[in-house]
Every structure is written in structure tokens, then in C-alpha cells.
Amino acid sequence: MSQDKAPSQQLEWALQGLAASAADQAGLFPEECTACGLVGGFHVGYLAVRNKALELTPEQQSHVEGIRERIENMQSSDSLAMFLFPDDSEWNELRSSAQQCLAVFGWEKAIPPVNRNGDATID
């Protein structure tokens, strides 16, 4: 399976951000809403992979779509779960789903770069 590095890298970083602990997630977006940054990052990665029509295994596709659907449900529900970061149970389930998705892709659970261009990382 041949994959363009840029779209898959964006998705990998987004999933790593979603899979990180709440404390690490807060450090990824020091100047903006953490929940907004995490969700926005996932959407960028998701769209990059989808728009490049990268070939994903059915298991990879299922996990990525599951995360997309979970985020959409959190955003569209009447609850404030999207903004009750980091202690909300829905966020904990989202972190767990992202960790599983990383494993399906064979990607490391690590802290992604703060600057998504790769210029800086959390020290």
C-alpha cells in the first residue's frame, strides 16, 4: 500500500494528539481552545487522507470513521461534552479510540509536534 507521507503524517499527528493524556493535550494548543485544536487537527488529517484517496484497510477505515462519528456526535449533542475537556467520559472514550486507531495503523503513541509543520515539539 503506497501512501503519500504528508496526508498520512497529518492523520498520525492528529490521532497522537487525541490519544495523549489530558495534560499533554493542553500543552499542544497553548494559545487556543484545546478541544477545538484537537478536533480541528483531526478534521485536517481526516480530510487530507480522504482527499488524497489513500488506500486504507477496512479496519483502518472503520477506526478513522468511528472517531469522526464520535466527534460529530459530541459536537452536535445538546450536552456540553465537547467543552468539558479534559475530564468528561466522552473525551476519555475518544482518547481510547484514538489509541486503538494508532495501533491499527502501526503508529507510535507519542506526543505530536506543537507546530504541525514539525518545527517545534514539546520539551
N, C-alpha and C. Protein backbone atom coordinates (compact mmCIF):
# COMPACT_ATOMS: atom_id res chain seq x y z
N MET A 1 0.85 -1.17 0.00
CA MET A 1 0.00 0.00 0.00
C MET A 1 0.89 1.23 0.00
N SER A 2 0.79 2.03 -1.02
CA SER A 2 1.60 3.23 -1.14
C SER A 2 0.81 4.42 -0.62
N GLN A 3 1.41 5.15 0.33
CA GLN A 3 0.71 6.30 0.89
C GLN A 3 1.60 7.53 0.80
N ASP A 4 1.02 8.66 0.37
CA ASP A 4 1.69 9.95 0.37
C ASP A 4 1.98 10.30 1.83
N LYS A 5 3.20 10.66 2.16
CA LYS A 5 3.59 10.90 3.54
C LYS A 5 2.84 12.06 4.19
N ALA A 6 2.65 13.16 3.47
CA ALA A 6 2.04 14.34 4.08
C ALA A 6 0.63 14.07 4.64
N PRO A 7 -0.32 13.53 3.88
CA PRO A 7 -1.65 13.28 4.44
C PRO A 7 -1.62 12.26 5.58
N SER A 8 -0.86 11.19 5.42
CA SER A 8 -0.83 10.19 6.49
C SER A 8 -0.14 10.76 7.72
N GLN A 9 0.85 11.63 7.55
CA GLN A 9 1.52 12.28 8.69
C GLN A 9 0.55 13.17 9.44
N GLN A 10 -0.28 13.90 8.70
CA GLN A 10 -1.27 14.77 9.34
C GLN A 10 -2.25 13.95 10.17
N LEU A 11 -2.69 12.83 9.64
CA LEU A 11 -3.62 11.98 10.38
C LEU A 11 -2.92 11.37 11.59
N GLU A 12 -1.68 10.93 11.41
CA GLU A 12 -0.94 10.35 12.53
C GLU A 12 -0.81 11.36 13.67
N TRP A 13 -0.39 12.59 13.36
CA TRP A 13 -0.25 13.61 14.40
C TRP A 13 -1.58 13.91 15.07
N ALA A 14 -2.66 13.96 14.29
CA ALA A 14 -3.98 14.23 14.86
C ALA A 14 -4.39 13.12 15.82
N LEU A 15 -4.16 11.88 15.43
CA LEU A 15 -4.51 10.76 16.29
C LEU A 15 -3.63 10.73 17.54
N GLN A 16 -2.36 11.07 17.38
CA GLN A 16 -1.47 11.12 18.54
C GLN A 16 -1.96 12.18 19.52
N GLY A 17 -2.40 13.31 19.00
CA GLY A 17 -2.93 14.37 19.86
C GLY A 17 -4.17 13.91 20.60
N LEU A 18 -5.08 13.27 19.89
CA LEU A 18 -6.31 12.78 20.52
C LEU A 18 -6.03 11.68 21.53
N ALA A 19 -4.99 10.89 21.32
CA ALA A 19 -4.66 9.77 22.20
C ALA A 19 -3.87 10.18 23.43
N ALA A 20 -3.32 11.38 23.42
CA ALA A 20 -2.47 11.85 24.52
C ALA A 20 -3.28 12.08 25.79
N SER A 21 -2.57 12.12 26.90
CA SER A 21 -3.23 12.44 28.18
C SER A 21 -3.77 13.86 28.13
N ALA A 22 -4.72 14.16 29.00
CA ALA A 22 -5.30 15.50 29.03
C ALA A 22 -4.23 16.56 29.28
N ALA A 23 -3.28 16.29 30.17
CA ALA A 23 -2.21 17.25 30.45
C ALA A 23 -1.36 17.49 29.21
N ASP A 24 -1.01 16.44 28.50
CA ASP A 24 -0.22 16.61 27.28
C ASP A 24 -1.02 17.31 26.19
N GLN A 25 -2.31 17.01 26.11
CA GLN A 25 -3.14 17.66 25.11
C GLN A 25 -3.18 19.17 25.32
N ALA A 26 -3.27 19.60 26.55
CA ALA A 26 -3.33 21.04 26.85
C ALA A 26 -2.05 21.73 26.38
N GLY A 27 -0.92 21.05 26.45
CA GLY A 27 0.33 21.64 26.01
C GLY A 27 0.46 21.75 24.51
N LEU A 28 -0.37 21.03 23.78
CA LEU A 28 -0.30 21.08 22.32
C LEU A 28 -0.89 22.35 21.74
N PHE A 29 -1.80 22.97 22.48
CA PHE A 29 -2.51 24.15 21.99
C PHE A 29 -2.51 25.24 23.06
N PRO A 30 -1.32 25.75 23.39
CA PRO A 30 -1.23 26.70 24.49
C PRO A 30 -1.94 28.03 24.24
N GLU A 31 -2.21 28.35 22.99
CA GLU A 31 -2.80 29.65 22.68
C GLU A 31 -4.22 29.56 22.17
N GLU A 32 -4.84 28.38 22.28
CA GLU A 32 -6.21 28.25 21.80
C GLU A 32 -6.96 27.21 22.61
N CYS A 33 -8.21 27.09 22.34
CA CYS A 33 -9.06 26.09 22.98
C CYS A 33 -8.52 24.70 22.64
N THR A 34 -8.15 23.94 23.67
CA THR A 34 -7.56 22.62 23.45
C THR A 34 -8.50 21.71 22.66
N ALA A 35 -9.75 21.66 23.08
CA ALA A 35 -10.72 20.80 22.39
C ALA A 35 -10.84 21.21 20.92
N CYS A 36 -10.88 22.50 20.67
CA CYS A 36 -11.01 22.99 19.29
C CYS A 36 -9.78 22.61 18.47
N GLY A 37 -8.60 22.75 19.06
CA GLY A 37 -7.38 22.39 18.36
C GLY A 37 -7.29 20.92 18.03
N LEU A 38 -7.69 20.07 18.99
CA LEU A 38 -7.65 18.62 18.77
C LEU A 38 -8.63 18.20 17.68
N VAL A 39 -9.84 18.71 17.77
CA VAL A 39 -10.87 18.36 16.80
C VAL A 39 -10.52 18.92 15.42
N GLY A 40 -10.06 20.15 15.40
CA GLY A 40 -9.65 20.75 14.12
C GLY A 40 -8.50 19.99 13.49
N GLY A 41 -7.55 19.57 14.30
CA GLY A 41 -6.44 18.78 13.80
C GLY A 41 -6.88 17.46 13.21
N PHE A 42 -7.84 16.81 13.87
CA PHE A 42 -8.35 15.55 13.34
C PHE A 42 -9.04 15.78 12.00
N HIS A 43 -9.85 16.83 11.92
CA HIS A 43 -10.55 17.09 10.66
C HIS A 43 -9.58 17.36 9.52
N VAL A 44 -8.49 18.08 9.81
CA VAL A 44 -7.47 18.35 8.78
C VAL A 44 -6.85 17.03 8.33
N GLY A 45 -6.47 16.18 9.29
CA GLY A 45 -5.86 14.89 8.95
C GLY A 45 -6.82 13.98 8.21
N TYR A 46 -8.07 13.95 8.67
CA TYR A 46 -9.09 13.12 8.04
C TYR A 46 -9.32 13.54 6.59
N LEU A 47 -9.48 14.85 6.40
CA LEU A 47 -9.72 15.35 5.04
C LEU A 47 -8.50 15.16 4.14
N ALA A 48 -7.31 15.31 4.69
CA ALA A 48 -6.10 15.11 3.89
C ALA A 48 -6.04 13.69 3.36
N VAL A 49 -6.34 12.73 4.22
CA VAL A 49 -6.32 11.32 3.81
C VAL A 49 -7.45 11.03 2.83
N ARG A 50 -8.64 11.52 3.14
CA ARG A 50 -9.79 11.28 2.27
C ARG A 50 -9.61 11.93 0.90
N ASN A 51 -9.15 13.18 0.88
CA ASN A 51 -9.00 13.89 -0.39
C ASN A 51 -7.89 13.32 -1.26
N LYS A 52 -6.90 12.71 -0.66
CA LYS A 52 -5.84 12.07 -1.43
C LYS A 52 -6.23 10.64 -1.82
N ALA A 53 -7.41 10.23 -1.37
CA ALA A 53 -7.94 8.89 -1.67
C ALA A 53 -6.90 7.81 -1.36
N LEU A 54 -6.29 7.94 -0.18
CA LEU A 54 -5.31 6.94 0.22
C LEU A 54 -6.00 5.62 0.51
N GLU A 55 -5.35 4.58 0.15
CA GLU A 55 -5.90 3.25 0.35
C GLU A 55 -5.72 2.84 1.81
N LEU A 56 -6.83 2.71 2.51
CA LEU A 56 -6.81 2.25 3.88
C LEU A 56 -7.40 0.85 3.93
N THR A 57 -6.93 0.06 4.88
CA THR A 57 -7.54 -1.25 5.07
C THR A 57 -8.95 -1.02 5.63
N PRO A 58 -9.82 -2.00 5.50
CA PRO A 58 -11.16 -1.84 6.09
C PRO A 58 -11.10 -1.56 7.60
N GLU A 59 -10.16 -2.17 8.30
CA GLU A 59 -10.03 -1.94 9.74
C GLU A 59 -9.58 -0.50 10.03
N GLN A 60 -8.62 -0.01 9.25
CA GLN A 60 -8.18 1.38 9.42
C GLN A 60 -9.33 2.34 9.14
N GLN A 61 -10.04 2.10 8.04
CA GLN A 61 -11.16 2.96 7.67
C GLN A 61 -12.24 2.96 8.76
N SER A 62 -12.53 1.79 9.29
CA SER A 62 -13.54 1.67 10.34
C SER A 62 -13.16 2.47 11.58
N HIS A 63 -11.91 2.39 11.99
CA HIS A 63 -11.46 3.13 13.18
C HIS A 63 -11.48 4.64 12.95
N VAL A 64 -11.01 5.08 11.80
CA VAL A 64 -11.00 6.51 11.49
C VAL A 64 -12.43 7.05 11.43
N GLU A 65 -13.32 6.31 10.77
CA GLU A 65 -14.71 6.75 10.68
C GLU A 65 -15.38 6.74 12.06
N GLY A 66 -15.02 5.78 12.90
CA GLY A 66 -15.57 5.74 14.25
C GLY A 66 -15.20 6.98 15.05
N ILE A 67 -13.97 7.42 14.91
CA ILE A 67 -13.54 8.64 15.60
C ILE A 67 -14.25 9.85 15.02
N ARG A 68 -14.36 9.92 13.71
CA ARG A 68 -15.06 11.05 13.07
C ARG A 68 -16.51 11.11 13.56
N GLU A 69 -17.17 9.97 13.62
CA GLU A 69 -18.56 9.94 14.06
C GLU A 69 -18.68 10.33 15.54
N ARG A 70 -17.75 9.86 16.36
CA ARG A 70 -17.79 10.20 17.79
C ARG A 70 -17.64 11.71 17.97
N ILE A 71 -16.71 12.31 17.23
CA ILE A 71 -16.52 13.76 17.32
C ILE A 71 -17.77 14.49 16.84
N GLU A 72 -18.34 14.06 15.74
CA GLU A 72 -19.56 14.71 15.25
C GLU A 72 -20.69 14.61 16.27
N ASN A 73 -20.82 13.46 16.91
CA ASN A 73 -21.86 13.30 17.93
C ASN A 73 -21.61 14.23 19.12
N MET A 74 -20.35 14.35 19.51
CA MET A 74 -20.02 15.25 20.62
C MET A 74 -20.33 16.69 20.25
N GLN A 75 -20.07 17.07 19.01
CA GLN A 75 -20.31 18.44 18.57
C GLN A 75 -21.79 18.75 18.41
N SER A 76 -22.56 17.77 18.01
CA SER A 76 -23.96 18.03 17.69
C SER A 76 -24.91 17.73 18.84
N SER A 77 -24.43 17.11 19.89
CA SER A 77 -25.33 16.78 21.00
C SER A 77 -25.68 18.04 21.78
N ASP A 78 -26.75 17.94 22.56
CA ASP A 78 -27.16 19.06 23.39
C ASP A 78 -26.27 19.20 24.62
N SER A 79 -25.44 18.19 24.87
CA SER A 79 -24.56 18.24 26.04
C SER A 79 -23.39 19.18 25.77
N LEU A 80 -22.69 19.48 26.81
CA LEU A 80 -21.51 20.32 26.69
C LEU A 80 -20.24 19.48 26.66
N ALA A 81 -20.37 18.20 26.30
CA ALA A 81 -19.23 17.28 26.35
C ALA A 81 -18.04 17.78 25.56
N MET A 82 -18.27 18.44 24.45
CA MET A 82 -17.16 18.91 23.63
C MET A 82 -16.29 19.89 24.41
N PHE A 83 -16.91 20.63 25.33
CA PHE A 83 -16.17 21.66 26.03
C PHE A 83 -15.88 21.32 27.49
N LEU A 84 -16.27 20.12 27.93
CA LEU A 84 -15.98 19.68 29.28
C LEU A 84 -14.63 18.98 29.37
N PHE A 85 -13.81 19.26 28.43
CA PHE A 85 -12.46 18.74 28.38
C PHE A 85 -11.75 19.14 29.66
N PRO A 86 -10.92 18.33 30.27
CA PRO A 86 -10.44 17.02 29.86
C PRO A 86 -11.07 15.85 30.61
N ASP A 87 -11.94 16.14 31.60
CA ASP A 87 -12.39 15.07 32.48
C ASP A 87 -13.67 14.37 32.06
N ASP A 88 -14.27 14.80 31.01
CA ASP A 88 -15.51 14.21 30.56
C ASP A 88 -15.29 12.78 30.08
N SER A 89 -16.24 11.90 30.38
CA SER A 89 -16.10 10.49 29.98
C SER A 89 -16.06 10.32 28.47
N GLU A 90 -16.74 11.20 27.74
CA GLU A 90 -16.70 11.10 26.27
C GLU A 90 -15.29 11.40 25.75
N TRP A 91 -14.59 12.33 26.38
CA TRP A 91 -13.21 12.61 25.98
C TRP A 91 -12.32 11.41 26.30
N ASN A 92 -12.55 10.79 27.44
CA ASN A 92 -11.75 9.61 27.79
C ASN A 92 -11.99 8.48 26.79
N GLU A 93 -13.22 8.31 26.35
CA GLU A 93 -13.52 7.29 25.33
C GLU A 93 -12.88 7.66 24.00
N LEU A 94 -12.88 8.94 23.67
CA LEU A 94 -12.24 9.39 22.43
C LEU A 94 -10.74 9.14 22.48
N ARG A 95 -10.11 9.40 23.63
CA ARG A 95 -8.68 9.11 23.78
C ARG A 95 -8.41 7.62 23.56
N SER A 96 -9.24 6.79 24.14
CA SER A 96 -9.08 5.34 23.99
C SER A 96 -9.25 4.91 22.54
N SER A 97 -10.24 5.46 21.86
CA SER A 97 -10.46 5.14 20.44
C SER A 97 -9.26 5.56 19.60
N ALA A 98 -8.69 6.72 19.90
CA ALA A 98 -7.53 7.20 19.15
C ALA A 98 -6.32 6.30 19.40
N GLN A 99 -6.16 5.83 20.62
CA GLN A 99 -5.06 4.91 20.93
C GLN A 99 -5.21 3.61 20.14
N GLN A 100 -6.43 3.11 20.07
CA GLN A 100 -6.69 1.89 19.29
C GLN A 100 -6.42 2.12 17.81
N CYS A 101 -6.81 3.28 17.31
CA CYS A 101 -6.61 3.62 15.90
C CYS A 101 -5.12 3.70 15.58
N LEU A 102 -4.33 4.32 16.46
CA LEU A 102 -2.88 4.36 16.26
C LEU A 102 -2.32 2.95 16.12
N ALA A 103 -2.78 2.04 16.97
CA ALA A 103 -2.30 0.66 16.94
C ALA A 103 -2.66 -0.02 15.62
N VAL A 104 -3.86 0.24 15.12
CA VAL A 104 -4.30 -0.35 13.86
C VAL A 104 -3.41 0.10 12.70
N PHE A 105 -2.96 1.35 12.74
CA PHE A 105 -2.07 1.87 11.71
C PHE A 105 -0.62 1.46 11.94
N GLY A 106 -0.32 0.96 13.14
CA GLY A 106 1.06 0.63 13.47
C GLY A 106 1.88 1.86 13.82
N TRP A 107 1.21 2.93 14.26
CA TRP A 107 1.86 4.18 14.61
C TRP A 107 2.11 4.24 16.10
N GLU A 108 3.16 4.94 16.47
CA GLU A 108 3.56 5.09 17.86
C GLU A 108 2.63 6.04 18.60
N LYS A 109 2.35 5.70 19.86
CA LYS A 109 1.63 6.64 20.73
C LYS A 109 2.69 7.58 21.28
N ALA A 110 2.72 8.79 20.74
CA ALA A 110 3.71 9.79 21.12
C ALA A 110 3.06 11.16 21.09
N ILE A 111 3.77 12.13 21.62
CA ILE A 111 3.27 13.50 21.58
C ILE A 111 3.64 14.09 20.21
N PRO A 112 2.65 14.56 19.46
CA PRO A 112 2.96 15.14 18.14
C PRO A 112 3.62 16.51 18.29
N PRO A 113 4.23 17.01 17.24
CA PRO A 113 4.83 18.34 17.30
C PRO A 113 3.78 19.39 17.63
N VAL A 114 4.19 20.40 18.37
CA VAL A 114 3.28 21.52 18.67
C VAL A 114 2.97 22.24 17.37
N ASN A 115 3.99 22.53 16.59
CA ASN A 115 3.82 23.15 15.28
C ASN A 115 3.63 22.02 14.29
N ARG A 116 2.49 21.92 13.67
CA ARG A 116 2.19 20.80 12.78
C ARG A 116 3.06 20.76 11.54
N ASN A 117 3.90 21.80 11.34
CA ASN A 117 4.88 21.74 10.27
C ASN A 117 6.13 21.03 10.73
N GLY A 118 6.14 20.60 12.01
CA GLY A 118 7.26 19.85 12.52
C GLY A 118 8.41 20.71 13.01
N ASP A 119 8.21 22.04 13.14
CA ASP A 119 9.31 22.92 13.51
C ASP A 119 9.59 22.93 15.01
N ALA A 120 8.63 22.52 15.81
CA ALA A 120 8.84 22.56 17.26
C ALA A 120 8.10 21.41 17.93
N THR A 121 8.61 20.97 19.04
CA THR A 121 7.95 19.92 19.81
C THR A 121 7.90 20.33 21.27
N ILE A 122 7.07 19.66 22.04
CA ILE A 122 7.02 19.90 23.47
C ILE A 122 8.32 19.41 24.07
N ASP A 123 8.95 20.23 24.88
CA ASP A 123 10.22 19.83 25.51
C ASP A 123 9.95 19.12 26.82
